[in-house]
PDB file of N, CA and C in Angstrom:
ATOM      1  N   UNK A   1      61.799 -60.412 180.183  1.00  0.00           N
ATOM      2  CA  UNK A   1      61.389 -61.314 181.237  1.00  0.00           C
ATOM      3  C   UNK A   1      61.839 -62.723 180.888  1.00  0.00           C
ATOM      4  N   UNK A   2      62.532 -63.358 181.783  1.00  0.00           N
ATOM      5  CA  UNK A   2      63.002 -64.714 181.561  1.00  0.00           C
ATOM      6  C   UNK A   2      61.889 -65.689 181.913  1.00  0.00           C
ATOM      7  N   UNK A   3      61.669 -66.644 181.039  1.00  0.00           N
ATOM      8  CA  UNK A   3      60.596 -67.605 181.295  1.00  0.00           C
ATOM      9  C   UNK A   3      61.086 -68.709 182.219  1.00  0.00           C
ATOM     10  N   UNK A   4      60.158 -69.409 182.829  1.00  0.00           N
ATOM     11  CA  UNK A   4      60.474 -70.569 183.649  1.00  0.00           C
ATOM     12  C   UNK A   4      60.945 -71.674 182.716  1.00  0.00           C
ATOM     13  N   UNK A   5      62.012 -72.365 183.082  1.00  0.00           N
ATOM     14  CA  UNK A   5      62.549 -73.402 182.188  1.00  0.00           C
ATOM     15  C   UNK A   5      61.730 -74.682 182.278  1.00  0.00           C
ATOM     16  N   UNK A   6      61.787 -75.446 181.202  1.00  0.00           N
ATOM     17  CA  UNK A   6      61.157 -76.755 181.141  1.00  0.00           C
ATOM     18  C   UNK A   6      62.236 -77.819 181.314  1.00  0.00           C
ATOM     19  N   UNK A   7      61.872 -79.006 181.788  1.00  0.00           N
ATOM     20  CA  UNK A   7      62.886 -80.061 181.988  1.00  0.00           C
ATOM     21  C   UNK A   7      63.644 -80.420 180.712  1.00  0.00           C
ATOM     22  N   UNK A   8      63.028 -80.274 179.557  1.00  0.00           N
ATOM     23  CA  UNK A   8      63.676 -80.655 178.311  1.00  0.00           C
ATOM     24  C   UNK A   8      64.476 -79.517 177.674  1.00  0.00           C
ATOM     25  N   UNK A   9      64.547 -78.352 178.311  1.00  0.00           N
ATOM     26  CA  UNK A   9      65.345 -77.253 177.755  1.00  0.00           C
ATOM     27  C   UNK A   9      66.802 -77.674 177.614  1.00  0.00           C
ATOM     28  N   UNK A  10      67.427 -77.152 176.593  1.00  0.00           N
ATOM     29  CA  UNK A  10      68.812 -77.482 176.295  1.00  0.00           C
ATOM     30  C   UNK A  10      69.723 -76.864 177.365  1.00  0.00           C
ATOM     31  N   UNK A  11      70.717 -77.616 177.801  1.00  0.00           N
ATOM     32  CA  UNK A  11      71.689 -77.102 178.764  1.00  0.00           C
ATOM     33  C   UNK A  11      72.735 -76.276 178.029  1.00  0.00           C
ATOM     34  N   UNK A  12      73.529 -75.519 178.778  1.00  0.00           N
ATOM     35  CA  UNK A  12      74.588 -74.720 178.150  1.00  0.00           C
ATOM     36  C   UNK A  12      75.587 -75.611 177.420  1.00  0.00           C
ATOM     37  N   UNK A  13      75.909 -76.742 177.990  1.00  0.00           N
ATOM     38  CA  UNK A  13      76.855 -77.678 177.368  1.00  0.00           C
ATOM     39  C   UNK A  13      76.286 -78.252 176.070  1.00  0.00           C
ATOM     40  N   UNK A  14      75.026 -78.667 176.103  1.00  0.00           N
ATOM     41  CA  UNK A  14      74.386 -79.188 174.896  1.00  0.00           C
ATOM     42  C   UNK A  14      74.302 -78.112 173.821  1.00  0.00           C
ATOM     43  N   UNK A  15      73.980 -76.872 174.239  1.00  0.00           N
ATOM     44  CA  UNK A  15      73.849 -75.775 173.290  1.00  0.00           C
ATOM     45  C   UNK A  15      75.168 -75.495 172.593  1.00  0.00           C
ATOM     46  N   UNK A  16      76.260 -75.509 173.342  1.00  0.00           N
ATOM     47  CA  UNK A  16      77.578 -75.266 172.751  1.00  0.00           C
ATOM     48  C   UNK A  16      77.902 -76.332 171.703  1.00  0.00           C
ATOM     49  N   UNK A  17      77.456 -77.548 171.918  1.00  0.00           N
ATOM     50  CA  UNK A  17      77.700 -78.631 170.971  1.00  0.00           C
ATOM     51  C   UNK A  17      76.824 -78.502 169.723  1.00  0.00           C
ATOM     52  N   UNK A  18      75.562 -78.159 169.903  1.00  0.00           N
ATOM     53  CA  UNK A  18      74.578 -78.156 168.816  1.00  0.00           C
ATOM     54  C   UNK A  18      74.647 -76.901 167.948  1.00  0.00           C
ATOM     55  N   UNK A  19      74.946 -75.762 168.536  1.00  0.00           N
ATOM     56  CA  UNK A  19      74.860 -74.489 167.836  1.00  0.00           C
ATOM     57  C   UNK A  19      75.568 -74.442 166.483  1.00  0.00           C
ATOM     58  N   UNK A  20      76.797 -74.906 166.353  1.00  0.00           N
ATOM     59  CA  UNK A  20      77.456 -74.815 165.038  1.00  0.00           C
ATOM     60  C   UNK A  20      76.716 -75.564 163.930  1.00  0.00           C
ATOM     61  N   UNK A  21      75.969 -76.586 164.275  1.00  0.00           N
ATOM     62  CA  UNK A  21      75.238 -77.371 163.276  1.00  0.00           C
ATOM     63  C   UNK A  21      73.919 -76.721 162.870  1.00  0.00           C
ATOM     64  N   UNK A  22      73.436 -75.781 163.664  1.00  0.00           N
ATOM     65  CA  UNK A  22      72.125 -75.187 163.416  1.00  0.00           C
ATOM     66  C   UNK A  22      72.177 -73.847 162.715  1.00  0.00           C
ATOM     67  N   UNK A  23      73.302 -73.214 162.715  1.00  0.00           N
ATOM     68  CA  UNK A  23      73.370 -71.856 162.182  1.00  0.00           C
ATOM     69  C   UNK A  23      73.276 -71.841 160.660  1.00  0.00           C
ATOM     70  N   UNK A  24      72.152 -71.339 160.176  1.00  0.00           N
ATOM     71  CA  UNK A  24      71.981 -71.118 158.748  1.00  0.00           C
ATOM     72  C   UNK A  24      72.326 -69.673 158.415  1.00  0.00           C
ATOM     73  N   UNK A  25      72.124 -68.805 159.371  1.00  0.00           N
ATOM     74  CA  UNK A  25      72.526 -67.404 159.279  1.00  0.00           C
ATOM     75  C   UNK A  25      73.023 -67.013 160.669  1.00  0.00           C
ATOM     76  N   UNK A  26      73.660 -65.866 160.757  1.00  0.00           N
ATOM     77  CA  UNK A  26      74.190 -65.445 162.044  1.00  0.00           C
ATOM     78  C   UNK A  26      73.079 -65.365 163.081  1.00  0.00           C
ATOM     79  N   UNK A  27      73.418 -65.694 164.308  1.00  0.00           N
ATOM     80  CA  UNK A  27      72.410 -65.690 165.365  1.00  0.00           C
ATOM     81  C   UNK A  27      71.861 -64.284 165.627  1.00  0.00           C
ATOM     82  N   UNK A  28      72.645 -63.251 165.332  1.00  0.00           N
ATOM     83  CA  UNK A  28      72.178 -61.886 165.545  1.00  0.00           C
ATOM     84  C   UNK A  28      71.667 -61.243 164.249  1.00  0.00           C
ATOM     85  N   UNK A  29      71.318 -62.049 163.274  1.00  0.00           N
ATOM     86  CA  UNK A  29      70.810 -61.557 161.996  1.00  0.00           C
ATOM     87  C   UNK A  29      69.553 -60.720 162.197  1.00  0.00           C
ATOM     88  N   UNK A  30      69.397 -59.658 161.392  1.00  0.00           N
ATOM     89  CA  UNK A  30      68.214 -58.799 161.515  1.00  0.00           C
ATOM     90  C   UNK A  30      66.933 -59.550 161.185  1.00  0.00           C
ATOM     91  N   UNK A  31      67.017 -60.580 160.363  1.00  0.00           N
ATOM     92  CA  UNK A  31      65.814 -61.312 159.979  1.00  0.00           C
ATOM     93  C   UNK A  31      65.357 -62.291 161.065  1.00  0.00           C
ATOM     94  N   UNK A  32      66.184 -62.527 162.052  1.00  0.00           N
ATOM     95  CA  UNK A  32      65.830 -63.466 163.122  1.00  0.00           C
ATOM     96  C   UNK A  32      64.994 -62.751 164.174  1.00  0.00           C
ATOM     97  N   UNK A  33      63.776 -63.198 164.372  1.00  0.00           N
ATOM     98  CA  UNK A  33      62.870 -62.568 165.337  1.00  0.00           C
ATOM     99  C   UNK A  33      62.915 -63.242 166.698  1.00  0.00           C
ATOM    100  N   UNK A  34      63.316 -64.506 166.729  1.00  0.00           N
ATOM    101  CA  UNK A  34      63.336 -65.274 167.973  1.00  0.00           C
ATOM    102  C   UNK A  34      64.719 -65.872 168.173  1.00  0.00           C
ATOM    103  N   UNK A  35      65.081 -66.032 169.416  1.00  0.00           N
ATOM    104  CA  UNK A  35      66.364 -66.635 169.750  1.00  0.00           C
ATOM    105  C   UNK A  35      66.428 -68.051 169.181  1.00  0.00           C
ATOM    106  N   UNK A  36      67.547 -68.376 168.567  1.00  0.00           N
ATOM    107  CA  UNK A  36      67.719 -69.720 168.019  1.00  0.00           C
ATOM    108  C   UNK A  36      67.646 -70.764 169.125  1.00  0.00           C
ATOM    109  N   UNK A  37      68.169 -70.417 170.282  1.00  0.00           N
ATOM    110  CA  UNK A  37      68.109 -71.344 171.415  1.00  0.00           C
ATOM    111  C   UNK A  37      66.665 -71.594 171.843  1.00  0.00           C
ATOM    112  N   UNK A  38      65.838 -70.550 171.872  1.00  0.00           N
ATOM    113  CA  UNK A  38      64.438 -70.720 172.234  1.00  0.00           C
ATOM    114  C   UNK A  38      63.690 -71.530 171.173  1.00  0.00           C
ATOM    115  N   UNK A  39      64.020 -71.336 169.912  1.00  0.00           N
ATOM    116  CA  UNK A  39      63.412 -72.149 168.853  1.00  0.00           C
ATOM    117  C   UNK A  39      63.775 -73.619 169.040  1.00  0.00           C
ATOM    118  N   UNK A  40      65.042 -73.867 169.362  1.00  0.00           N
ATOM    119  CA  UNK A  40      65.497 -75.237 169.600  1.00  0.00           C
ATOM    120  C   UNK A  40      64.786 -75.827 170.824  1.00  0.00           C
ATOM    121  N   UNK A  41      64.617 -75.022 171.879  1.00  0.00           N
ATOM    122  CA  UNK A  41      63.876 -75.488 173.052  1.00  0.00           C
ATOM    123  C   UNK A  41      62.430 -75.819 172.684  1.00  0.00           C
ATOM    124  N   UNK A  42      61.850 -75.050 171.777  1.00  0.00           N
ATOM    125  CA  UNK A  42      60.493 -75.341 171.324  1.00  0.00           C
ATOM    126  C   UNK A  42      60.399 -76.686 170.620  1.00  0.00           C
ATOM    127  N   UNK A  43      61.379 -76.990 169.783  1.00  0.00           N
ATOM    128  CA  UNK A  43      61.407 -78.294 169.108  1.00  0.00           C
ATOM    129  C   UNK A  43      61.564 -79.404 170.141  1.00  0.00           C
ATOM    130  N   UNK A  44      62.462 -79.221 171.083  1.00  0.00           N
ATOM    131  CA  UNK A  44      62.653 -80.233 172.132  1.00  0.00           C
ATOM    132  C   UNK A  44      61.382 -80.430 172.943  1.00  0.00           C
ATOM    133  N   UNK A  45      60.646 -79.356 173.185  1.00  0.00           N
ATOM    134  CA  UNK A  45      59.389 -79.453 173.924  1.00  0.00           C
ATOM    135  C   UNK A  45      58.413 -80.363 173.180  1.00  0.00           C
ATOM    136  N   UNK A  46      58.263 -80.145 171.890  1.00  0.00           N
ATOM    137  CA  UNK A  46      57.344 -80.959 171.092  1.00  0.00           C
ATOM    138  C   UNK A  46      57.787 -82.418 171.076  1.00  0.00           C
ATOM    139  N   UNK A  47      59.067 -82.649 170.875  1.00  0.00           N
ATOM    140  CA  UNK A  47      59.580 -84.018 170.792  1.00  0.00           C
ATOM    141  C   UNK A  47      59.406 -84.752 172.126  1.00  0.00           C
ATOM    142  N   UNK A  48      59.745 -84.084 173.215  1.00  0.00           N
ATOM    143  CA  UNK A  48      59.683 -84.732 174.522  1.00  0.00           C
ATOM    144  C   UNK A  48      58.266 -84.948 175.029  1.00  0.00           C
ATOM    145  N   UNK A  49      57.364 -84.015 174.751  1.00  0.00           N
ATOM    146  CA  UNK A  49      56.015 -84.121 175.299  1.00  0.00           C
ATOM    147  C   UNK A  49      55.041 -84.796 174.344  1.00  0.00           C
ATOM    148  N   UNK A  50      55.381 -84.806 173.058  1.00  0.00           N
ATOM    149  CA  UNK A  50      54.440 -85.354 172.081  1.00  0.00           C
ATOM    150  C   UNK A  50      53.251 -84.429 171.859  1.00  0.00           C
ATOM    151  N   UNK A  51      53.375 -83.206 172.308  1.00  0.00           N
ATOM    152  CA  UNK A  51      52.309 -82.225 172.192  1.00  0.00           C
ATOM    153  C   UNK A  51      52.087 -81.849 170.728  1.00  0.00           C
ATOM    154  N   UNK A  52      50.940 -81.301 170.429  1.00  0.00           N
ATOM    155  CA  UNK A  52      50.659 -80.814 169.084  1.00  0.00           C
ATOM    156  C   UNK A  52      51.252 -79.425 168.920  1.00  0.00           C
ATOM    157  N   UNK A  53      51.667 -79.107 167.699  1.00  0.00           N
ATOM    158  CA  UNK A  53      52.305 -77.823 167.425  1.00  0.00           C
ATOM    159  C   UNK A  53      51.474 -76.656 167.923  1.00  0.00           C
ATOM    160  N   UNK A  54      50.199 -76.671 167.647  1.00  0.00           N
ATOM    161  CA  UNK A  54      49.348 -75.525 167.984  1.00  0.00           C
ATOM    162  C   UNK A  54      49.103 -75.374 169.481  1.00  0.00           C
ATOM    163  N   UNK A  55      49.501 -76.347 170.284  1.00  0.00           N
ATOM    164  CA  UNK A  55      49.321 -76.275 171.729  1.00  0.00           C
ATOM    165  C   UNK A  55      50.618 -75.986 172.470  1.00  0.00           C
ATOM    166  N   UNK A  56      51.594 -75.397 171.763  1.00  0.00           N
ATOM    167  CA  UNK A  56      52.844 -75.022 172.433  1.00  0.00           C
ATOM    168  C   UNK A  56      52.550 -73.943 173.465  1.00  0.00           C
ATOM    169  N   UNK A  57      53.250 -73.959 174.591  1.00  0.00           N
ATOM    170  CA  UNK A  57      53.036 -72.918 175.605  1.00  0.00           C
ATOM    171  C   UNK A  57      53.345 -71.523 175.045  1.00  0.00           C
ATOM    172  N   UNK A  58      52.679 -70.535 175.572  1.00  0.00           N
ATOM    173  CA  UNK A  58      52.844 -69.163 175.086  1.00  0.00           C
ATOM    174  C   UNK A  58      54.188 -68.553 175.434  1.00  0.00           C
ATOM    175  N   UNK A  59      54.925 -69.124 176.374  1.00  0.00           N
ATOM    176  CA  UNK A  59      56.216 -68.537 176.726  1.00  0.00           C
ATOM    177  C   UNK A  59      57.349 -69.021 175.828  1.00  0.00           C
ATOM    178  N   UNK A  60      57.062 -69.939 174.917  1.00  0.00           N
ATOM    179  CA  UNK A  60      58.010 -70.337 173.880  1.00  0.00           C
ATOM    180  C   UNK A  60      57.660 -69.543 172.619  1.00  0.00           C
ATOM    181  N   UNK A  61      58.568 -69.490 171.642  1.00  0.00           N
ATOM    182  CA  UNK A  61      58.213 -68.786 170.403  1.00  0.00           C
ATOM    183  C   UNK A  61      56.958 -69.392 169.768  1.00  0.00           C
ATOM    184  N   UNK A  62      56.271 -68.633 168.916  1.00  0.00           N
ATOM    185  CA  UNK A  62      55.054 -69.145 168.274  1.00  0.00           C
ATOM    186  C   UNK A  62      55.338 -70.432 167.494  1.00  0.00           C
ATOM    187  N   UNK A  63      54.364 -71.326 167.493  1.00  0.00           N
ATOM    188  CA  UNK A  63      54.587 -72.632 166.875  1.00  0.00           C
ATOM    189  C   UNK A  63      54.977 -72.541 165.409  1.00  0.00           C
ATOM    190  N   UNK A  64      54.425 -71.608 164.591  1.00  0.00           N
ATOM    191  CA  UNK A  64      54.866 -71.571 163.185  1.00  0.00           C
ATOM    192  C   UNK A  64      56.360 -71.268 163.046  1.00  0.00           C
ATOM    193  N   UNK A  65      56.889 -70.411 163.923  1.00  0.00           N
ATOM    194  CA  UNK A  65      58.320 -70.082 163.862  1.00  0.00           C
ATOM    195  C   UNK A  65      59.172 -71.286 164.234  1.00  0.00           C
ATOM    196  N   UNK A  66      58.761 -72.011 165.265  1.00  0.00           N
ATOM    197  CA  UNK A  66      59.501 -73.203 165.689  1.00  0.00           C
ATOM    198  C   UNK A  66      59.439 -74.267 164.592  1.00  0.00           C
ATOM    199  N   UNK A  67      58.251 -74.478 164.047  1.00  0.00           N
ATOM    200  CA  UNK A  67      58.073 -75.479 162.995  1.00  0.00           C
ATOM    201  C   UNK A  67      58.910 -75.133 161.761  1.00  0.00           C
ATOM    202  N   UNK A  68      58.891 -73.863 161.367  1.00  0.00           N
ATOM    203  CA  UNK A  68      59.648 -73.448 160.188  1.00  0.00           C
ATOM    204  C   UNK A  68      61.152 -73.655 160.394  1.00  0.00           C
ATOM    205  N   UNK A  69      61.650 -73.281 161.567  1.00  0.00           N
ATOM    206  CA  UNK A  69      63.072 -73.474 161.836  1.00  0.00           C
ATOM    207  C   UNK A  69      63.428 -74.954 161.876  1.00  0.00           C
ATOM    208  N   UNK A  70      62.541 -75.763 162.440  1.00  0.00           N
ATOM    209  CA  UNK A  70      62.768 -77.210 162.481  1.00  0.00           C
ATOM    210  C   UNK A  70      62.847 -77.776 161.076  1.00  0.00           C
ATOM    211  N   UNK A  71      61.958 -77.342 160.198  1.00  0.00           N
ATOM    212  CA  UNK A  71      61.958 -77.825 158.814  1.00  0.00           C
ATOM    213  C   UNK A  71      63.216 -77.377 158.068  1.00  0.00           C
ATOM    214  N   UNK A  72      63.637 -76.137 158.298  1.00  0.00           N
ATOM    215  CA  UNK A  72      64.841 -75.637 157.639  1.00  0.00           C
ATOM    216  C   UNK A  72      66.078 -76.398 158.071  1.00  0.00           C
ATOM    217  N   UNK A  73      66.175 -76.669 159.342  1.00  0.00           N
ATOM    218  CA  UNK A  73      67.369 -77.305 159.892  1.00  0.00           C
ATOM    219  C   UNK A  73      67.322 -78.823 159.852  1.00  0.00           C
ATOM    220  N   UNK A  74      66.122 -79.344 159.650  1.00  0.00           N
ATOM    221  CA  UNK A  74      65.919 -80.812 159.650  1.00  0.00           C
ATOM    222  C   UNK A  74      66.434 -81.429 160.932  1.00  0.00           C
ATOM    223  N   UNK A  75      65.990 -80.814 162.046  1.00  0.00           N
ATOM    224  CA  UNK A  75      66.385 -81.310 163.352  1.00  0.00           C
ATOM    225  C   UNK A  75      65.814 -82.690 163.624  1.00  0.00           C
ATOM    226  N   UNK A  76      64.641 -82.976 163.054  1.00  0.00           N
ATOM    227  CA  UNK A  76      63.991 -84.262 163.351  1.00  0.00           C
ATOM    228  C   UNK A  76      64.140 -85.212 162.187  1.00  0.00           C
TER     229      UNK A  76
END
C-alpha cells in the first residue's frame, strides 16, 4: 500500500542526486528492512516539522530505524 505523500518528501530529482551519498550498503541488501528513500523522507519530516522522534507518523518507518540511519549517514 502506497502512503499519502508529505510536502517535504524527496522528489525523484532530489533522490537521484542524494542517493549516491547515502548508500552505506546496497539498497536491496538483506539487512535493510525499510526503503532507504522512506528513511530519508522520515528524516526530512523531522527536520521540516520540528516534530519529536517518537511522534513520527505511523506510515513512515519506525522512528528508531530513521534515527539510526540518520546517525549512520550523518545527514544532519
